[in-house]
Amino acid sequence: MDKDSILKTYGFYAPFYDVIFGSWVNHGRRKAIEKIDQKEGSRFLEIGVGTGYSIPLYREHVHVTGIDISPEMLMVAKKRFPREKFPHVESFLEMDAQELDFPDNSFDAVIAMYVASVVPDPMRMMQEMSRVCVPGGTVLVLNHFASSKGILKGVEKFFSPFSRRLGFKPDFSLPHFLEMTTIEVEDILPVNLGGYWKLIQFRNEPNGSNGAPASEAQPA
């Protein structure tokens, strides 16, 4: 994956993104938002907000900033959720998840849904998410991860060479992703369609063990 291919692919997806990646994977979005403490005045950052499909899941007394690298996706989000009708949405910003233009400790929680297998450098994305999240805050990653066995593993391997056209890496490894993170894993929850996707909850504190226990890190 590279920036140009991501921009091209998601610019193409924008008009019908919700049809492809909408309600049938919204269970994961709901579970992710349920994991954060939506106390009044809290500030949240959503990485890869896309068309804003998750925005209705946030309560009106919090402050939400959404970023995405695709201007076409953000255009849809801005039209759907104008500030005058959704004042809790502070802004939709065009921004690279690997180079966040926010000061340290800016948000109480940082959430990346269906993004980790899209960005060219997931480790850099995680470093940036940790940097802009307050110490002890919540960092959430919701994503598909490669199957470890069976037919699905073969299918993912077959489609792997087409990552640039698909807009994501079909064979994205959960153990490898956890190894590259430097913050504490609190929970891994299977979501969507029999648990094919994983919701990983991190606490924004240094992780001395460098990832979850092997029993928790094994993909489906």
C-alpha atoms as a PDB file:
ATOM      1  CA  MET A   1       0.000   0.000   0.000  1.00  0.00           C
ATOM      2  CA  ASP A   2       1.166   3.544  -0.751  1.00  0.00           C
ATOM      3  CA  LYS A   3      -0.438   6.969  -0.399  1.00  0.00           C
ATOM      4  CA  ASP A   4      -1.235   7.402  -4.091  1.00  0.00           C
ATOM      5  CA  SER A   5      -2.996   4.056  -4.382  1.00  0.00           C
ATOM      6  CA  ILE A   6      -4.963   4.721  -1.183  1.00  0.00           C
ATOM      7  CA  LEU A   7      -6.126   8.096  -2.466  1.00  0.00           C
ATOM      8  CA  LYS A   8      -7.123   6.641  -5.807  1.00  0.00           C
ATOM      9  CA  THR A   9      -8.961   3.640  -4.358  1.00  0.00           C
ATOM     10  CA  TYR A  10     -10.919   5.494  -1.679  1.00  0.00           C
ATOM     11  CA  GLY A  11     -11.703   8.346  -4.036  1.00  0.00           C
ATOM     12  CA  PHE A  12     -13.343   5.670  -6.176  1.00  0.00           C
ATOM     13  CA  TYR A  13     -15.106   4.074  -3.170  1.00  0.00           C
ATOM     14  CA  ALA A  14     -16.473   7.339  -1.751  1.00  0.00           C
ATOM     15  CA  PRO A  15     -19.881   7.494  -3.535  1.00  0.00           C
ATOM     16  CA  PHE A  16     -20.844   3.939  -2.511  1.00  0.00           C
ATOM     17  CA  TYR A  17     -18.560   3.249   0.466  1.00  0.00           C
ATOM     18  CA  ASP A  18     -21.513   2.861   2.834  1.00  0.00           C
ATOM     19  CA  VAL A  19     -23.026   0.156   0.653  1.00  0.00           C
ATOM     20  CA  ILE A  20     -19.809  -1.893   0.777  1.00  0.00           C
ATOM     21  CA  PHE A  21     -18.553  -1.138   4.302  1.00  0.00           C
ATOM     22  CA  GLY A  22     -21.698   0.129   6.020  1.00  0.00           C
ATOM     23  CA  SER A  23     -24.336  -1.564   8.133  1.00  0.00           C
ATOM     24  CA  TRP A  24     -23.025  -5.142   7.883  1.00  0.00           C
ATOM     25  CA  VAL A  25     -19.844  -4.206   9.807  1.00  0.00           C
ATOM     26  CA  ASN A  26     -21.461  -1.580  12.037  1.00  0.00           C
ATOM     27  CA  HIS A  27     -21.579  -4.033  14.937  1.00  0.00           C
ATOM     28  CA  GLY A  28     -17.836  -3.498  15.320  1.00  0.00           C
ATOM     29  CA  ARG A  29     -18.223   0.271  15.265  1.00  0.00           C
ATOM     30  CA  ARG A  30     -20.856   0.145  17.993  1.00  0.00           C
ATOM     31  CA  LYS A  31     -18.691  -2.096  20.155  1.00  0.00           C
ATOM     32  CA  ALA A  32     -15.730   0.244  19.701  1.00  0.00           C
ATOM     33  CA  ILE A  33     -17.655   3.346  20.734  1.00  0.00           C
ATOM     34  CA  GLU A  34     -19.076   1.464  23.727  1.00  0.00           C
ATOM     35  CA  LYS A  35     -15.508   0.930  24.945  1.00  0.00           C
ATOM     36  CA  ILE A  36     -14.819   4.630  25.464  1.00  0.00           C
ATOM     37  CA  ASP A  37     -15.999   6.669  28.421  1.00  0.00           C
ATOM     38  CA  GLN A  38     -18.241   9.295  26.851  1.00  0.00           C
ATOM     39  CA  LYS A  39     -18.317  11.618  29.822  1.00  0.00           C
ATOM     40  CA  GLU A  40     -19.330  15.197  29.185  1.00  0.00           C
ATOM     41  CA  GLY A  41     -16.648  17.318  27.551  1.00  0.00           C
ATOM     42  CA  SER A  42     -14.432  14.408  26.504  1.00  0.00           C
ATOM     43  CA  ARG A  43     -12.448  14.832  23.303  1.00  0.00           C
ATOM     44  CA  PHE A  44     -12.164  11.966  20.839  1.00  0.00           C
ATOM     45  CA  LEU A  45     -10.229  11.547  17.615  1.00  0.00           C
ATOM     46  CA  GLU A  46     -11.411   9.107  14.972  1.00  0.00           C
ATOM     47  CA  ILE A  47      -8.724   8.055  12.504  1.00  0.00           C
ATOM     48  CA  GLY A  48     -10.027   7.240   9.017  1.00  0.00           C
ATOM     49  CA  VAL A  49     -13.486   8.643   9.687  1.00  0.00           C
ATOM     50  CA  GLY A  50     -14.371   8.180   6.012  1.00  0.00           C
ATOM     51  CA  THR A  51     -17.978   9.110   5.228  1.00  0.00           C
ATOM     52  CA  GLY A  52     -18.751   9.583   8.928  1.00  0.00           C
ATOM     53  CA  TYR A  53     -20.758   6.381   9.294  1.00  0.00           C
ATOM     54  CA  SER A  54     -19.877   6.129  12.998  1.00  0.00           C
ATOM     55  CA  ILE A  55     -20.747   9.720  13.946  1.00  0.00           C
ATOM     56  CA  PRO A  56     -24.309   8.961  15.178  1.00  0.00           C
ATOM     57  CA  LEU A  57     -22.801   6.553  17.734  1.00  0.00           C
ATOM     58  CA  TYR A  58     -21.178   9.385  19.704  1.00  0.00           C
ATOM     59  CA  ARG A  59     -23.156  11.235  22.359  1.00  0.00           C
ATOM     60  CA  GLU A  60     -23.921  14.899  21.842  1.00  0.00           C
ATOM     61  CA  HIS A  61     -22.096  16.065  24.981  1.00  0.00           C
ATOM     62  CA  VAL A  62     -18.633  14.971  23.742  1.00  0.00           C
ATOM     63  CA  HIS A  63     -16.320  16.538  21.163  1.00  0.00           C
ATOM     64  CA  VAL A  64     -15.373  14.511  18.093  1.00  0.00           C
ATOM     65  CA  THR A  65     -12.709  15.237  15.486  1.00  0.00           C
ATOM     66  CA  GLY A  66     -12.527  13.016  12.423  1.00  0.00           C
ATOM     67  CA  ILE A  67      -9.611  12.766  10.033  1.00  0.00           C
ATOM     68  CA  ASP A  68      -9.159  10.977   6.734  1.00  0.00           C
ATOM     69  CA  ILE A  69      -6.624  11.056   3.941  1.00  0.00           C
ATOM     70  CA  SER A  70      -9.315  10.984   1.240  1.00  0.00           C
ATOM     71  CA  PRO A  71     -10.895  14.358   0.362  1.00  0.00           C
ATOM     72  CA  GLU A  72     -13.710  12.584  -1.468  1.00  0.00           C
ATOM     73  CA  MET A  73     -14.653  10.581   1.619  1.00  0.00           C
ATOM     74  CA  LEU A  74     -14.510  13.687   3.809  1.00  0.00           C
ATOM     75  CA  MET A  75     -16.743  15.566   1.382  1.00  0.00           C
ATOM     76  CA  VAL A  76     -19.463  13.002   1.996  1.00  0.00           C
ATOM     77  CA  ALA A  77     -19.004  13.252   5.774  1.00  0.00           C
ATOM     78  CA  LYS A  78     -19.158  17.048   5.798  1.00  0.00           C
ATOM     79  CA  LYS A  79     -22.375  17.102   3.783  1.00  0.00           C
ATOM     80  CA  ARG A  80     -23.972  14.442   5.966  1.00  0.00           C
ATOM     81  CA  PHE A  81     -22.980  15.968   9.322  1.00  0.00           C
ATOM     82  CA  PRO A  82     -22.880  19.784   9.054  1.00  0.00           C
ATOM     83  CA  ARG A  83     -21.592  21.583  12.143  1.00  0.00           C
ATOM     84  CA  GLU A  84     -24.798  23.551  12.638  1.00  0.00           C
ATOM     85  CA  LYS A  85     -26.797  20.321  13.101  1.00  0.00           C
ATOM     86  CA  PHE A  86     -24.056  18.272  14.785  1.00  0.00           C
ATOM     87  CA  PRO A  87     -22.216  20.738  17.063  1.00  0.00           C
ATOM     88  CA  HIS A  88     -20.370  17.933  18.887  1.00  0.00           C
ATOM     89  CA  VAL A  89     -18.429  17.255  15.681  1.00  0.00           C
ATOM     90  CA  GLU A  90     -15.595  19.744  15.963  1.00  0.00           C
ATOM     91  CA  SER A  91     -14.162  19.143  12.493  1.00  0.00           C
ATOM     92  CA  PHE A  92     -13.486  16.775   9.632  1.00  0.00           C
ATOM     93  CA  LEU A  93      -9.868  17.225   8.576  1.00  0.00           C
ATOM     94  CA  GLU A  94      -7.830  15.923   5.667  1.00  0.00           C
ATOM     95  CA  MET A  95      -4.810  14.370   7.363  1.00  0.00           C
ATOM     96  CA  ASP A  96      -2.417  11.421   7.205  1.00  0.00           C
ATOM     97  CA  ALA A  97      -2.787   9.027  10.158  1.00  0.00           C
ATOM     98  CA  GLN A  98       0.991   8.603  10.123  1.00  0.00           C
ATOM     99  CA  GLU A  99       1.602  12.347  10.612  1.00  0.00           C
ATOM    100  CA  LEU A 100      -1.087  13.780  12.874  1.00  0.00           C
ATOM    101  CA  ASP A 101      -1.135  17.554  13.088  1.00  0.00           C
ATOM    102  CA  PHE A 102      -2.169  17.730  16.754  1.00  0.00           C
ATOM    103  CA  PRO A 103      -0.198  18.505  19.921  1.00  0.00           C
ATOM    104  CA  ASP A 104       0.686  15.746  22.357  1.00  0.00           C
ATOM    105  CA  ASN A 105      -2.056  14.630  24.767  1.00  0.00           C
ATOM    106  CA  SER A 106      -4.864  16.278  22.784  1.00  0.00           C
ATOM    107  CA  PHE A 107      -7.554  13.578  23.104  1.00  0.00           C
ATOM    108  CA  ASP A 108      -9.077  11.373  25.785  1.00  0.00           C
ATOM    109  CA  ALA A 109      -9.447   8.503  23.325  1.00  0.00           C
ATOM    110  CA  VAL A 110      -8.193   7.805  19.803  1.00  0.00           C
ATOM    111  CA  ILE A 111      -9.989   5.310  17.576  1.00  0.00           C
ATOM    112  CA  ALA A 112      -8.999   3.727  14.248  1.00  0.00           C
ATOM    113  CA  MET A 113     -11.709   1.614  12.634  1.00  0.00           C
ATOM    114  CA  TYR A 114     -10.926  -0.389   9.485  1.00  0.00           C
ATOM    115  CA  VAL A 115      -7.711   1.585   8.946  1.00  0.00           C
ATOM    116  CA  ALA A 116      -4.731  -0.403  10.287  1.00  0.00           C
ATOM    117  CA  SER A 117      -4.513  -2.647   7.215  1.00  0.00           C
ATOM    118  CA  VAL A 118      -4.797   0.379   4.906  1.00  0.00           C
ATOM    119  CA  VAL A 119      -1.987   2.669   6.052  1.00  0.00           C
ATOM    120  CA  PRO A 120       1.498   2.007   4.631  1.00  0.00           C
ATOM    121  CA  ASP A 121       3.114   2.089   8.090  1.00  0.00           C
ATOM    122  CA  PRO A 122       0.824   0.780  10.891  1.00  0.00           C
ATOM    123  CA  MET A 123       3.591   1.153  13.482  1.00  0.00           C
ATOM    124  CA  ARG A 124       3.916   4.853  12.734  1.00  0.00           C
ATOM    125  CA  MET A 125       0.131   5.234  12.946  1.00  0.00           C
ATOM    126  CA  MET A 126       0.119   3.605  16.389  1.00  0.00           C
ATOM    127  CA  GLN A 127       2.934   5.855  17.582  1.00  0.00           C
ATOM    128  CA  GLU A 128       0.982   8.915  16.476  1.00  0.00           C
ATOM    129  CA  MET A 129      -2.250   7.661  18.066  1.00  0.00           C
ATOM    130  CA  SER A 130      -0.405   7.142  21.348  1.00  0.00           C
ATOM    131  CA  ARG A 131       1.278  10.544  21.151  1.00  0.00           C
ATOM    132  CA  VAL A 132      -1.953  12.540  20.753  1.00  0.00           C
ATOM    133  CA  CYS A 133      -3.838  10.493  23.378  1.00  0.00           C
ATOM    134  CA  VAL A 134      -3.591  11.488  27.039  1.00  0.00           C
ATOM    135  CA  PRO A 135      -1.529   9.178  29.277  1.00  0.00           C
ATOM    136  CA  GLY A 136      -3.790   6.416  30.549  1.00  0.00           C
ATOM    137  CA  GLY A 137      -6.333   7.152  27.831  1.00  0.00           C
ATOM    138  CA  THR A 138      -7.934   4.639  25.485  1.00  0.00           C
ATOM    139  CA  VAL A 139      -6.575   3.708  22.060  1.00  0.00           C
ATOM    140  CA  LEU A 140      -8.829   1.437  19.984  1.00  0.00           C
ATOM    141  CA  VAL A 141      -8.086  -0.427  16.773  1.00  0.00           C
ATOM    142  CA  LEU A 142     -10.859  -2.261  14.925  1.00  0.00           C
ATOM    143  CA  ASN A 143      -9.651  -4.240  11.939  1.00  0.00           C
ATOM    144  CA  HIS A 144      -9.682  -7.446   9.944  1.00  0.00           C
ATOM    145  CA  PHE A 145      -6.657  -9.639  10.586  1.00  0.00           C
ATOM    146  CA  ALA A 146      -5.409 -12.604   8.605  1.00  0.00           C
ATOM    147  CA  SER A 147      -6.801 -16.044   9.386  1.00  0.00           C
ATOM    148  CA  SER A 148      -4.325 -18.585  10.699  1.00  0.00           C
ATOM    149  CA  LYS A 149      -5.825 -21.622   8.974  1.00  0.00           C
ATOM    150  CA  GLY A 150      -8.496 -22.969   6.684  1.00  0.00           C
ATOM    151  CA  ILE A 151     -10.042 -21.720   3.476  1.00  0.00           C
ATOM    152  CA  LEU A 152     -10.015 -18.081   4.546  1.00  0.00           C
ATOM    153  CA  LYS A 153      -6.236 -18.129   4.920  1.00  0.00           C
ATOM    154  CA  GLY A 154      -5.922 -19.339   1.337  1.00  0.00           C
ATOM    155  CA  VAL A 155      -8.353 -16.711   0.065  1.00  0.00           C
ATOM    156  CA  GLU A 156      -6.485 -13.920   1.864  1.00  0.00           C
ATOM    157  CA  LYS A 157      -3.167 -15.123   0.475  1.00  0.00           C
ATOM    158  CA  PHE A 158      -4.626 -15.241  -3.041  1.00  0.00           C
ATOM    159  CA  PHE A 159      -5.867 -11.642  -2.852  1.00  0.00           C
ATOM    160  CA  SER A 160      -2.735 -10.276  -1.168  1.00  0.00           C
ATOM    161  CA  PRO A 161      -1.054  -9.218  -4.470  1.00  0.00           C
ATOM    162  CA  PHE A 162      -4.125  -7.075  -5.207  1.00  0.00           C
ATOM    163  CA  SER A 163      -3.825  -4.961  -2.029  1.00  0.00           C
ATOM    164  CA  ARG A 164      -3.362  -1.699  -3.916  1.00  0.00           C
ATOM    165  CA  ARG A 165      -6.557  -2.196  -5.892  1.00  0.00           C
ATOM    166  CA  LEU A 166      -8.578  -3.442  -2.910  1.00  0.00           C
ATOM    167  CA  GLY A 167      -7.435  -0.591  -0.680  1.00  0.00           C
ATOM    168  CA  PHE A 168      -6.300  -2.813   2.210  1.00  0.00           C
ATOM    169  CA  LYS A 169      -3.994  -5.737   3.021  1.00  0.00           C
ATOM    170  CA  PRO A 170      -6.040  -8.997   3.106  1.00  0.00           C
ATOM    171  CA  ASP A 171      -3.276 -10.911   4.921  1.00  0.00           C
ATOM    172  CA  PHE A 172      -2.630  -8.346   7.683  1.00  0.00           C
ATOM    173  CA  SER A 173      -1.124 -10.239  10.644  1.00  0.00           C
ATOM    174  CA  LEU A 174      -2.478  -9.756  14.163  1.00  0.00           C
ATOM    175  CA  PRO A 175       0.592 -11.187  15.991  1.00  0.00           C
ATOM    176  CA  HIS A 176       2.892  -8.979  13.929  1.00  0.00           C
ATOM    177  CA  PHE A 177       0.715  -5.928  14.593  1.00  0.00           C
ATOM    178  CA  LEU A 178       0.765  -6.564  18.341  1.00  0.00           C
ATOM    179  CA  GLU A 179       4.539  -7.049  18.306  1.00  0.00           C
ATOM    180  CA  MET A 180       5.042  -3.605  16.804  1.00  0.00           C
ATOM    181  CA  THR A 181       2.914  -1.780  19.376  1.00  0.00           C
ATOM    182  CA  THR A 182       4.493  -0.159  22.424  1.00  0.00           C
ATOM    183  CA  ILE A 183       1.393   0.409  24.581  1.00  0.00           C
ATOM    184  CA  GLU A 184      -0.503  -1.963  26.828  1.00  0.00           C
ATOM    185  CA  VAL A 185      -3.118  -4.302  25.334  1.00  0.00           C
ATOM    186  CA  GLU A 186      -6.155  -4.469  27.615  1.00  0.00           C
ATOM    187  CA  ASP A 187      -8.589  -6.542  25.577  1.00  0.00           C
ATOM    188  CA  ILE A 188      -9.114  -8.249  22.215  1.00  0.00           C
ATOM    189  CA  LEU A 189     -12.755  -8.729  21.256  1.00  0.00           C
ATOM    190  CA  PRO A 190     -13.952 -10.644  18.162  1.00  0.00           C
ATOM    191  CA  VAL A 191     -16.655  -8.670  16.311  1.00  0.00           C
ATOM    192  CA  ASN A 192     -18.703  -8.828  13.087  1.00  0.00           C
ATOM    193  CA  LEU A 193     -19.754 -12.003  11.295  1.00  0.00           C
ATOM    194  CA  GLY A 194     -18.529 -14.653  13.701  1.00  0.00           C
ATOM    195  CA  GLY A 195     -15.566 -12.651  14.951  1.00  0.00           C
ATOM    196  CA  TYR A 196     -13.730 -12.291  11.644  1.00  0.00           C
ATOM    197  CA  TRP A 197     -12.709  -8.782  12.745  1.00  0.00           C
ATOM    198  CA  LYS A 198     -10.957  -7.920  16.022  1.00  0.00           C
ATOM    199  CA  LEU A 199     -11.452  -4.934  18.308  1.00  0.00           C
ATOM    200  CA  ILE A 200      -8.232  -4.277  20.228  1.00  0.00           C
ATOM    201  CA  GLN A 201      -8.352  -2.027  23.266  1.00  0.00           C
ATOM    202  CA  PHE A 202      -5.091  -0.442  24.382  1.00  0.00           C
ATOM    203  CA  ARG A 203      -4.332   1.582  27.471  1.00  0.00           C
ATOM    204  CA  ASN A 204      -2.034   4.435  26.564  1.00  0.00           C
ATOM    205  CA  GLU A 205       0.798   3.378  28.859  1.00  0.00           C
ATOM    206  CA  PRO A 206       4.170   1.815  27.971  1.00  0.00           C
ATOM    207  CA  ASN A 207       3.930  -1.928  27.451  1.00  0.00           C
ATOM    208  CA  GLY A 208       6.823  -3.836  28.992  1.00  0.00           C
ATOM    209  CA  SER A 209       5.677  -7.202  27.623  1.00  0.00           C
ATOM    210  CA  ASN A 210       5.479  -5.950  24.019  1.00  0.00           C
ATOM    211  CA  GLY A 211       2.081  -7.307  22.993  1.00  0.00           C
ATOM    212  CA  ALA A 212      -0.686  -9.573  24.223  1.00  0.00           C
ATOM    213  CA  PRO A 213      -0.079 -13.121  25.461  1.00  0.00           C
ATOM    214  CA  ALA A 214       0.254 -15.595  22.627  1.00  0.00           C
ATOM    215  CA  SER A 215      -3.069 -17.215  23.565  1.00  0.00           C
ATOM    216  CA  GLU A 216      -4.848 -13.905  23.027  1.00  0.00           C
ATOM    217  CA  ALA A 217      -2.945 -12.885  19.909  1.00  0.00           C
ATOM    218  CA  GLN A 218      -3.906 -15.794  17.679  1.00  0.00           C
ATOM    219  CA  PRO A 219      -6.245 -14.776  14.823  1.00  0.00           C
ATOM    220  CA  ALA A 220      -9.331 -16.765  13.906  1.00  0.00           C
END
